[in-house]
Amino acid sequence: MGLFSFIKNAGAKVFGIGKTTEEEAAEARAKARREADAAELRLEEAAARNLEETITDLQLQVDGLQIFVDDDKARISGMAYDQATKEKVVLVVGNTAGISIVDDQMTVEHVEPEAQFHTVESGDTLGKIAKHYYGNAMKYPEIFEANKPMLTDPDKIYPGQVLRIPSLD
């Protein structure tokens, strides 16, 4: 007798039992991907529940509100009390860090004209925005009121934030 040399990972291929190192590594990678996907799904579900809770806390009336988050996209469904509520819900969700697209599938119980949206730029103030849309900087309270309860102070707006600009009919 003596020492014999063998190919360490060939046994599984010859006898069909066990797994090669490569097979084990591939399975480990697949398992890690599944676990990461499950963790991401749990985070997205938690984000959606947090958004729903925020909308409820802001007393925005939406019957059957459902929010689904998938990566940077959010889909909203339900029946909003009025157009202003629908737009505010879209803004709450869209102005959330990590969300870049909002798929609005809500319906409206009391139909009203749609407002315009304005993305705040560096240097904007509500007065400057009011001057642009209404021709009168002193109409800024209209914009402030239209964005309550998300805005709590007319001086606390930030670049990238999207605001409702209602018509002054």
N, C-alpha and C. Protein backbone atom coordinates (compact mmCIF):
# COMPACT_ATOMS: atom_id res chain seq x y z
N MET A 1 0.85 -1.17 0.00
CA MET A 1 0.00 0.00 0.00
C MET A 1 0.89 1.22 0.00
N GLY A 2 0.25 2.31 -0.20
CA GLY A 2 0.98 3.56 -0.23
C GLY A 2 0.02 4.72 -0.32
N LEU A 3 0.48 5.86 -0.62
CA LEU A 3 -0.36 7.06 -0.77
C LEU A 3 -0.83 7.15 -2.21
N PHE A 4 -2.06 7.45 -2.33
CA PHE A 4 -2.67 7.62 -3.65
C PHE A 4 -3.21 9.05 -3.76
N SER A 5 -3.11 9.67 -4.87
CA SER A 5 -3.62 11.04 -5.08
C SER A 5 -4.94 10.97 -5.85
N PHE A 6 -5.86 11.80 -5.41
CA PHE A 6 -7.18 11.88 -6.06
C PHE A 6 -7.53 13.34 -6.29
N ILE A 7 -8.47 13.56 -7.21
CA ILE A 7 -9.00 14.92 -7.43
C ILE A 7 -10.09 15.11 -6.39
N LYS A 8 -9.89 16.03 -5.51
CA LYS A 8 -10.73 16.19 -4.32
C LYS A 8 -12.21 16.37 -4.63
N ASN A 9 -12.56 17.20 -5.61
CA ASN A 9 -13.98 17.52 -5.85
C ASN A 9 -14.61 16.70 -6.97
N ALA A 10 -13.94 15.68 -7.47
CA ALA A 10 -14.48 14.89 -8.57
C ALA A 10 -15.48 13.85 -8.11
N GLY A 11 -15.47 13.50 -6.85
CA GLY A 11 -16.33 12.43 -6.34
C GLY A 11 -17.81 12.67 -6.58
N ALA A 12 -18.26 13.85 -6.41
CA ALA A 12 -19.68 14.13 -6.60
C ALA A 12 -20.09 13.90 -8.03
N LYS A 13 -19.22 14.17 -8.95
CA LYS A 13 -19.54 13.98 -10.36
C LYS A 13 -19.51 12.51 -10.73
N VAL A 14 -18.62 11.76 -10.15
CA VAL A 14 -18.50 10.35 -10.48
C VAL A 14 -19.64 9.54 -9.86
N PHE A 15 -19.93 9.77 -8.60
CA PHE A 15 -20.91 8.96 -7.90
C PHE A 15 -22.28 9.61 -7.77
N GLY A 16 -22.40 10.87 -8.13
CA GLY A 16 -23.68 11.56 -8.05
C GLY A 16 -24.11 11.86 -6.63
N ILE A 17 -23.19 11.85 -5.70
CA ILE A 17 -23.54 12.18 -4.32
C ILE A 17 -22.73 13.40 -3.90
N GLY A 18 -23.25 14.11 -2.94
CA GLY A 18 -22.56 15.30 -2.47
C GLY A 18 -22.54 16.39 -3.53
N LYS A 19 -21.81 17.43 -3.25
CA LYS A 19 -21.74 18.57 -4.17
C LYS A 19 -20.30 19.02 -4.30
N THR A 20 -19.99 19.53 -5.48
CA THR A 20 -18.66 20.09 -5.67
C THR A 20 -18.59 21.44 -4.97
N THR A 21 -17.41 21.92 -4.77
CA THR A 21 -17.21 23.23 -4.16
C THR A 21 -17.91 24.31 -4.98
N GLU A 22 -17.83 24.19 -6.29
CA GLU A 22 -18.48 25.17 -7.17
C GLU A 22 -20.00 25.14 -7.00
N GLU A 23 -20.57 23.93 -6.89
CA GLU A 23 -22.01 23.81 -6.70
C GLU A 23 -22.43 24.40 -5.36
N GLU A 24 -21.65 24.12 -4.32
CA GLU A 24 -21.96 24.68 -3.01
C GLU A 24 -21.87 26.20 -3.03
N ALA A 25 -20.85 26.73 -3.71
CA ALA A 25 -20.69 28.19 -3.80
C ALA A 25 -21.86 28.80 -4.58
N ALA A 26 -22.28 28.17 -5.66
CA ALA A 26 -23.41 28.68 -6.45
C ALA A 26 -24.69 28.67 -5.62
N GLU A 27 -24.90 27.59 -4.86
CA GLU A 27 -26.08 27.52 -4.00
C GLU A 27 -26.02 28.59 -2.91
N ALA A 28 -24.85 28.82 -2.35
CA ALA A 28 -24.69 29.85 -1.31
C ALA A 28 -24.99 31.23 -1.89
N ARG A 29 -24.52 31.50 -3.12
CA ARG A 29 -24.81 32.79 -3.75
C ARG A 29 -26.30 32.94 -4.02
N ALA A 30 -26.94 31.89 -4.49
CA ALA A 30 -28.38 31.93 -4.77
C ALA A 30 -29.16 32.16 -3.48
N LYS A 31 -28.75 31.48 -2.41
CA LYS A 31 -29.41 31.66 -1.11
C LYS A 31 -29.24 33.10 -0.62
N ALA A 32 -28.04 33.64 -0.76
CA ALA A 32 -27.78 35.02 -0.34
C ALA A 32 -28.64 36.00 -1.13
N ARG A 33 -28.79 35.75 -2.45
CA ARG A 33 -29.65 36.61 -3.28
C ARG A 33 -31.10 36.54 -2.82
N ARG A 34 -31.58 35.32 -2.55
CA ARG A 34 -32.97 35.17 -2.07
C ARG A 34 -33.17 35.90 -0.75
N GLU A 35 -32.21 35.77 0.16
CA GLU A 35 -32.31 36.44 1.45
C GLU A 35 -32.28 37.96 1.29
N ALA A 36 -31.42 38.45 0.39
CA ALA A 36 -31.34 39.90 0.15
C ALA A 36 -32.64 40.40 -0.47
N ASP A 37 -33.20 39.64 -1.41
CA ASP A 37 -34.47 40.02 -2.02
C ASP A 37 -35.59 40.05 -0.99
N ALA A 38 -35.61 39.07 -0.10
CA ALA A 38 -36.63 39.02 0.94
C ALA A 38 -36.48 40.20 1.90
N ALA A 39 -35.24 40.54 2.24
CA ALA A 39 -35.00 41.68 3.13
C ALA A 39 -35.44 42.97 2.46
N GLU A 40 -35.15 43.13 1.16
CA GLU A 40 -35.56 44.32 0.43
C GLU A 40 -37.08 44.42 0.38
N LEU A 41 -37.74 43.29 0.15
CA LEU A 41 -39.20 43.27 0.12
C LEU A 41 -39.77 43.70 1.47
N ARG A 42 -39.17 43.20 2.56
CA ARG A 42 -39.65 43.60 3.89
C ARG A 42 -39.46 45.10 4.11
N LEU A 43 -38.33 45.65 3.63
CA LEU A 43 -38.10 47.09 3.76
C LEU A 43 -39.12 47.88 2.95
N GLU A 44 -39.40 47.43 1.73
CA GLU A 44 -40.37 48.11 0.88
C GLU A 44 -41.76 48.06 1.49
N GLU A 45 -42.13 46.91 2.07
CA GLU A 45 -43.44 46.80 2.73
C GLU A 45 -43.50 47.71 3.94
N ALA A 46 -42.43 47.79 4.70
CA ALA A 46 -42.38 48.68 5.87
C ALA A 46 -42.47 50.14 5.43
N ALA A 47 -41.80 50.49 4.34
CA ALA A 47 -41.86 51.86 3.83
C ALA A 47 -43.29 52.20 3.42
N ALA A 48 -43.96 51.27 2.76
CA ALA A 48 -45.35 51.51 2.34
C ALA A 48 -46.25 51.70 3.55
N ARG A 49 -46.08 50.87 4.58
CA ARG A 49 -46.90 51.00 5.80
C ARG A 49 -46.62 52.34 6.48
N ASN A 50 -45.35 52.75 6.52
CA ASN A 50 -45.00 54.04 7.13
C ASN A 50 -45.64 55.20 6.36
N LEU A 51 -45.65 55.12 5.04
CA LEU A 51 -46.28 56.17 4.24
C LEU A 51 -47.79 56.20 4.49
N GLU A 52 -48.41 55.04 4.55
CA GLU A 52 -49.85 54.99 4.83
C GLU A 52 -50.15 55.60 6.20
N GLU A 53 -49.31 55.28 7.18
CA GLU A 53 -49.47 55.82 8.52
C GLU A 53 -49.30 57.34 8.53
N THR A 54 -48.32 57.84 7.80
CA THR A 54 -48.09 59.28 7.72
C THR A 54 -49.30 59.98 7.11
N ILE A 55 -49.85 59.42 6.06
CA ILE A 55 -51.01 60.01 5.40
C ILE A 55 -52.20 60.03 6.36
N THR A 56 -52.38 58.97 7.13
CA THR A 56 -53.44 58.92 8.13
C THR A 56 -53.19 59.97 9.21
N ASP A 57 -51.93 60.06 9.67
CA ASP A 57 -51.58 61.04 10.71
C ASP A 57 -51.83 62.47 10.24
N LEU A 58 -51.65 62.72 8.94
CA LEU A 58 -51.88 64.05 8.38
C LEU A 58 -53.37 64.32 8.13
N GLN A 59 -54.19 63.33 8.46
CA GLN A 59 -55.66 63.42 8.32
C GLN A 59 -56.09 63.68 6.88
N LEU A 60 -55.40 63.03 5.96
CA LEU A 60 -55.79 63.10 4.55
C LEU A 60 -56.73 61.92 4.31
N GLN A 61 -57.96 62.22 3.89
CA GLN A 61 -59.01 61.21 3.79
C GLN A 61 -58.93 60.44 2.47
N VAL A 62 -58.52 59.17 2.57
CA VAL A 62 -58.47 58.29 1.41
C VAL A 62 -59.04 56.94 1.84
N ASP A 63 -60.21 56.59 1.32
CA ASP A 63 -60.80 55.29 1.63
C ASP A 63 -60.06 54.20 0.88
N GLY A 64 -59.76 53.11 1.58
CA GLY A 64 -59.08 51.99 0.95
C GLY A 64 -57.67 52.31 0.49
N LEU A 65 -57.01 53.21 1.19
CA LEU A 65 -55.65 53.60 0.81
C LEU A 65 -54.72 52.40 0.81
N GLN A 66 -54.01 52.22 -0.29
CA GLN A 66 -52.99 51.19 -0.38
C GLN A 66 -51.79 51.78 -1.11
N ILE A 67 -50.63 51.55 -0.54
CA ILE A 67 -49.39 52.00 -1.16
C ILE A 67 -48.48 50.80 -1.33
N PHE A 68 -47.91 50.67 -2.51
CA PHE A 68 -46.94 49.61 -2.80
C PHE A 68 -45.65 50.29 -3.23
N VAL A 69 -44.55 49.89 -2.63
CA VAL A 69 -43.25 50.45 -2.96
C VAL A 69 -42.42 49.36 -3.62
N ASP A 70 -41.84 49.69 -4.77
CA ASP A 70 -40.95 48.77 -5.48
C ASP A 70 -39.74 49.57 -5.91
N ASP A 71 -38.65 49.40 -5.17
CA ASP A 71 -37.42 50.14 -5.39
C ASP A 71 -37.70 51.63 -5.20
N ASP A 72 -37.58 52.46 -6.25
CA ASP A 72 -37.81 53.90 -6.11
C ASP A 72 -39.18 54.32 -6.63
N LYS A 73 -40.06 53.35 -6.89
CA LYS A 73 -41.39 53.64 -7.43
C LYS A 73 -42.46 53.30 -6.38
N ALA A 74 -43.44 54.18 -6.25
CA ALA A 74 -44.57 53.92 -5.36
C ALA A 74 -45.86 53.97 -6.16
N ARG A 75 -46.75 53.03 -5.89
CA ARG A 75 -48.07 53.01 -6.51
C ARG A 75 -49.10 53.24 -5.41
N ILE A 76 -50.01 54.21 -5.66
CA ILE A 76 -51.02 54.58 -4.67
C ILE A 76 -52.40 54.29 -5.25
N SER A 77 -53.25 53.65 -4.45
CA SER A 77 -54.64 53.45 -4.86
C SER A 77 -55.55 53.76 -3.68
N GLY A 78 -56.82 53.94 -4.00
CA GLY A 78 -57.83 54.28 -3.01
C GLY A 78 -58.69 55.41 -3.54
N MET A 79 -59.69 55.81 -2.76
CA MET A 79 -60.56 56.91 -3.17
C MET A 79 -60.33 58.11 -2.26
N ALA A 80 -59.78 59.17 -2.82
CA ALA A 80 -59.53 60.40 -2.08
C ALA A 80 -60.83 61.19 -1.96
N TYR A 81 -60.96 61.92 -0.87
CA TYR A 81 -62.16 62.72 -0.65
C TYR A 81 -62.33 63.76 -1.75
N ASP A 82 -61.24 64.45 -2.11
CA ASP A 82 -61.31 65.48 -3.15
C ASP A 82 -59.96 65.55 -3.88
N GLN A 83 -59.92 66.37 -4.91
CA GLN A 83 -58.71 66.49 -5.73
C GLN A 83 -57.52 66.99 -4.91
N ALA A 84 -57.77 67.95 -4.02
CA ALA A 84 -56.68 68.48 -3.19
C ALA A 84 -56.07 67.39 -2.33
N THR A 85 -56.91 66.55 -1.74
CA THR A 85 -56.41 65.44 -0.92
C THR A 85 -55.59 64.48 -1.76
N LYS A 86 -56.08 64.15 -2.94
CA LYS A 86 -55.35 63.25 -3.85
C LYS A 86 -53.97 63.83 -4.16
N GLU A 87 -53.91 65.10 -4.49
CA GLU A 87 -52.63 65.72 -4.83
C GLU A 87 -51.70 65.77 -3.63
N LYS A 88 -52.24 66.02 -2.44
CA LYS A 88 -51.42 66.06 -1.23
C LYS A 88 -50.83 64.68 -0.93
N VAL A 89 -51.63 63.64 -1.14
CA VAL A 89 -51.12 62.29 -0.91
C VAL A 89 -49.98 61.99 -1.88
N VAL A 90 -50.14 62.37 -3.14
CA VAL A 90 -49.08 62.17 -4.13
C VAL A 90 -47.83 62.92 -3.68
N LEU A 91 -47.99 64.13 -3.17
CA LEU A 91 -46.84 64.91 -2.73
C LEU A 91 -46.17 64.31 -1.49
N VAL A 92 -46.95 63.81 -0.55
CA VAL A 92 -46.37 63.19 0.64
C VAL A 92 -45.49 62.01 0.22
N VAL A 93 -46.02 61.19 -0.67
CA VAL A 93 -45.27 60.01 -1.12
C VAL A 93 -44.08 60.43 -1.98
N GLY A 94 -44.30 61.31 -2.94
CA GLY A 94 -43.24 61.71 -3.86
C GLY A 94 -42.13 62.51 -3.21
N ASN A 95 -42.44 63.25 -2.16
CA ASN A 95 -41.42 64.03 -1.46
C ASN A 95 -40.72 63.22 -0.37
N THR A 96 -40.84 61.90 -0.44
CA THR A 96 -40.18 61.01 0.50
C THR A 96 -38.84 60.56 -0.08
N ALA A 97 -37.81 60.61 0.73
CA ALA A 97 -36.48 60.18 0.29
C ALA A 97 -36.54 58.74 -0.23
N GLY A 98 -35.95 58.51 -1.39
CA GLY A 98 -35.92 57.18 -1.96
C GLY A 98 -37.00 56.93 -3.00
N ILE A 99 -37.99 57.81 -3.07
CA ILE A 99 -39.08 57.67 -4.05
C ILE A 99 -38.85 58.68 -5.17
N SER A 100 -38.78 58.20 -6.41
CA SER A 100 -38.60 59.11 -7.54
C SER A 100 -39.77 59.06 -8.51
N ILE A 101 -40.61 58.03 -8.41
CA ILE A 101 -41.77 57.90 -9.31
C ILE A 101 -42.98 57.54 -8.47
N VAL A 102 -44.09 58.25 -8.72
CA VAL A 102 -45.35 57.93 -8.07
C VAL A 102 -46.37 57.58 -9.15
N ASP A 103 -46.90 56.38 -9.06
CA ASP A 103 -47.95 55.92 -9.97
C ASP A 103 -49.27 56.15 -9.24
N ASP A 104 -49.95 57.23 -9.58
CA ASP A 104 -51.20 57.61 -8.93
C ASP A 104 -52.37 56.89 -9.59
N GLN A 105 -52.96 55.94 -8.87
CA GLN A 105 -54.12 55.22 -9.36
C GLN A 105 -55.34 55.51 -8.50
N MET A 106 -55.31 56.62 -7.75
CA MET A 106 -56.43 56.98 -6.89
C MET A 106 -57.59 57.55 -7.71
N THR A 107 -58.77 57.38 -7.18
CA THR A 107 -59.95 58.02 -7.72
C THR A 107 -60.34 59.13 -6.75
N VAL A 108 -61.26 60.00 -7.20
CA VAL A 108 -61.66 61.14 -6.38
C VAL A 108 -63.18 61.14 -6.20
N GLU A 109 -63.61 61.30 -4.97
CA GLU A 109 -65.04 61.32 -4.67
C GLU A 109 -65.68 62.64 -5.11
N HIS A 110 -65.06 63.76 -4.77
CA HIS A 110 -65.57 65.10 -5.12
C HIS A 110 -64.60 65.74 -6.11
N VAL A 111 -64.95 65.70 -7.38
CA VAL A 111 -64.05 66.15 -8.45
C VAL A 111 -63.90 67.67 -8.41
N GLU A 112 -62.67 68.12 -8.56
CA GLU A 112 -62.31 69.55 -8.61
C GLU A 112 -61.24 69.72 -9.68
N PRO A 113 -60.98 70.97 -10.08
CA PRO A 113 -59.88 71.19 -11.04
C PRO A 113 -58.54 70.78 -10.43
N GLU A 114 -57.66 70.28 -11.28
CA GLU A 114 -56.33 69.88 -10.82
C GLU A 114 -55.45 71.11 -10.60
N ALA A 115 -54.59 71.01 -9.60
CA ALA A 115 -53.60 72.07 -9.36
C ALA A 115 -52.37 71.78 -10.20
N GLN A 116 -51.52 72.80 -10.34
CA GLN A 116 -50.22 72.61 -10.97
C GLN A 116 -49.24 72.17 -9.89
N PHE A 117 -48.14 71.56 -10.30
CA PHE A 117 -47.08 71.21 -9.37
C PHE A 117 -45.85 72.05 -9.72
N HIS A 118 -45.11 72.42 -8.69
CA HIS A 118 -43.89 73.20 -8.87
C HIS A 118 -42.77 72.54 -8.08
N THR A 119 -41.63 72.32 -8.72
CA THR A 119 -40.46 71.78 -8.04
C THR A 119 -39.61 72.96 -7.56
N VAL A 120 -39.41 73.02 -6.26
CA VAL A 120 -38.66 74.12 -5.65
C VAL A 120 -37.21 74.06 -6.12
N GLU A 121 -36.69 75.22 -6.50
CA GLU A 121 -35.30 75.36 -6.90
C GLU A 121 -34.56 76.19 -5.86
N SER A 122 -33.26 76.09 -5.87
CA SER A 122 -32.45 76.87 -4.95
C SER A 122 -32.78 78.35 -5.12
N GLY A 123 -33.02 79.05 -4.02
CA GLY A 123 -33.34 80.47 -4.07
C GLY A 123 -34.84 80.75 -4.11
N ASP A 124 -35.67 79.73 -4.32
CA ASP A 124 -37.12 79.93 -4.33
C ASP A 124 -37.64 80.26 -2.94
N THR A 125 -38.66 81.08 -2.92
CA THR A 125 -39.45 81.34 -1.72
C THR A 125 -40.90 81.18 -2.15
N LEU A 126 -41.80 81.05 -1.20
CA LEU A 126 -43.21 80.97 -1.57
C LEU A 126 -43.65 82.26 -2.26
N GLY A 127 -43.09 83.39 -1.84
CA GLY A 127 -43.41 84.66 -2.48
C GLY A 127 -42.96 84.69 -3.94
N LYS A 128 -41.76 84.23 -4.19
CA LYS A 128 -41.24 84.19 -5.55
C LYS A 128 -42.08 83.24 -6.42
N ILE A 129 -42.47 82.11 -5.85
CA ILE A 129 -43.30 81.14 -6.58
C ILE A 129 -44.67 81.74 -6.86
N ALA A 130 -45.24 82.44 -5.87
CA ALA A 130 -46.55 83.08 -6.05
C ALA A 130 -46.47 84.16 -7.12
N LYS A 131 -45.39 84.91 -7.14
CA LYS A 131 -45.20 85.94 -8.18
C LYS A 131 -45.18 85.30 -9.56
N HIS A 132 -44.50 84.16 -9.68
CA HIS A 132 -44.41 83.45 -10.97
C HIS A 132 -45.79 82.95 -11.43
N TYR A 133 -46.54 82.32 -10.54
CA TYR A 133 -47.80 81.69 -10.95
C TYR A 133 -49.00 82.64 -10.90
N TYR A 134 -48.99 83.57 -9.94
CA TYR A 134 -50.16 84.44 -9.75
C TYR A 134 -49.90 85.90 -10.12
N GLY A 135 -48.63 86.25 -10.35
CA GLY A 135 -48.30 87.63 -10.66
C GLY A 135 -48.26 88.52 -9.44
N ASN A 136 -48.35 87.93 -8.24
CA ASN A 136 -48.39 88.71 -7.01
C ASN A 136 -47.73 87.90 -5.90
N ALA A 137 -46.59 88.38 -5.43
CA ALA A 137 -45.85 87.67 -4.38
C ALA A 137 -46.64 87.56 -3.08
N MET A 138 -47.56 88.47 -2.86
CA MET A 138 -48.34 88.46 -1.61
C MET A 138 -49.40 87.36 -1.59
N LYS A 139 -49.50 86.61 -2.67
CA LYS A 139 -50.44 85.47 -2.72
C LYS A 139 -49.79 84.19 -2.19
N TYR A 140 -48.59 84.31 -1.61
CA TYR A 140 -47.89 83.13 -1.11
C TYR A 140 -48.70 82.34 -0.09
N PRO A 141 -49.58 82.99 0.74
CA PRO A 141 -50.37 82.18 1.68
C PRO A 141 -51.27 81.15 0.97
N GLU A 142 -51.67 81.44 -0.26
CA GLU A 142 -52.49 80.49 -1.01
C GLU A 142 -51.70 79.20 -1.24
N ILE A 143 -50.44 79.34 -1.58
CA ILE A 143 -49.60 78.16 -1.81
C ILE A 143 -49.31 77.46 -0.49
N PHE A 144 -49.04 78.24 0.54
CA PHE A 144 -48.78 77.65 1.86
C PHE A 144 -50.00 76.83 2.32
N GLU A 145 -51.18 77.41 2.24
CA GLU A 145 -52.41 76.71 2.67
C GLU A 145 -52.66 75.46 1.82
N ALA A 146 -52.36 75.56 0.53
CA ALA A 146 -52.60 74.43 -0.37
C ALA A 146 -51.67 73.26 -0.07
N ASN A 147 -50.59 73.50 0.66
CA ASN A 147 -49.63 72.45 0.95
C ASN A 147 -49.60 72.05 2.43
N LYS A 148 -50.57 72.54 3.19
CA LYS A 148 -50.72 72.08 4.57
C LYS A 148 -51.39 70.71 4.50
N PRO A 149 -51.13 69.81 5.36
CA PRO A 149 -50.30 69.87 6.55
C PRO A 149 -48.84 69.50 6.30
N MET A 150 -48.45 69.27 5.03
CA MET A 150 -47.05 68.90 4.78
C MET A 150 -46.11 70.06 5.11
N LEU A 151 -46.53 71.28 4.81
CA LEU A 151 -45.74 72.46 5.18
C LEU A 151 -46.27 72.97 6.52
N THR A 152 -45.35 73.25 7.41
CA THR A 152 -45.73 73.78 8.72
C THR A 152 -45.28 75.23 8.89
N ASP A 153 -44.43 75.69 7.96
CA ASP A 153 -43.90 77.05 8.03
C ASP A 153 -43.61 77.49 6.60
N PRO A 154 -44.08 78.69 6.20
CA PRO A 154 -43.85 79.13 4.83
C PRO A 154 -42.38 79.32 4.46
N ASP A 155 -41.52 79.41 5.45
CA ASP A 155 -40.10 79.60 5.19
C ASP A 155 -39.33 78.28 5.12
N LYS A 156 -40.01 77.16 5.31
CA LYS A 156 -39.33 75.86 5.34
C LYS A 156 -39.65 75.03 4.10
N ILE A 157 -39.12 75.50 2.97
CA ILE A 157 -39.18 74.72 1.73
C ILE A 157 -37.75 74.42 1.33
N TYR A 158 -37.56 73.42 0.50
CA TYR A 158 -36.20 73.02 0.15
C TYR A 158 -36.13 72.65 -1.33
N PRO A 159 -34.96 72.82 -1.94
CA PRO A 159 -34.79 72.46 -3.35
C PRO A 159 -35.12 70.99 -3.58
N GLY A 160 -35.86 70.75 -4.64
CA GLY A 160 -36.29 69.39 -4.99
C GLY A 160 -37.67 69.06 -4.47
N GLN A 161 -38.15 69.81 -3.50
CA GLN A 161 -39.50 69.57 -2.96
C GLN A 161 -40.52 69.97 -4.02
N VAL A 162 -41.59 69.22 -4.11
CA VAL A 162 -42.66 69.52 -5.06
C VAL A 162 -43.84 70.07 -4.29
N LEU A 163 -44.40 71.19 -4.77
CA LEU A 163 -45.51 71.86 -4.11
C LEU A 163 -46.73 71.92 -5.03
N ARG A 164 -47.91 71.96 -4.42
CA ARG A 164 -49.17 72.17 -5.15
C ARG A 164 -49.35 73.66 -5.37
N ILE A 165 -49.74 74.03 -6.58
CA ILE A 165 -50.05 75.43 -6.90
C ILE A 165 -51.50 75.44 -7.40
N PRO A 166 -52.44 75.73 -6.50
CA PRO A 166 -53.85 75.70 -6.93
C PRO A 166 -54.20 76.92 -7.79
N SER A 167 -55.22 76.75 -8.59
CA SER A 167 -55.68 77.92 -9.37
C SER A 167 -56.42 78.84 -8.42
N LEU A 168 -56.52 80.11 -8.78
CA LEU A 168 -57.18 81.10 -7.90
C LEU A 168 -58.58 81.45 -8.40
N ASP A 169 -59.28 80.48 -8.92
CA ASP A 169 -60.63 80.73 -9.47
C ASP A 169 -61.54 81.39 -8.51
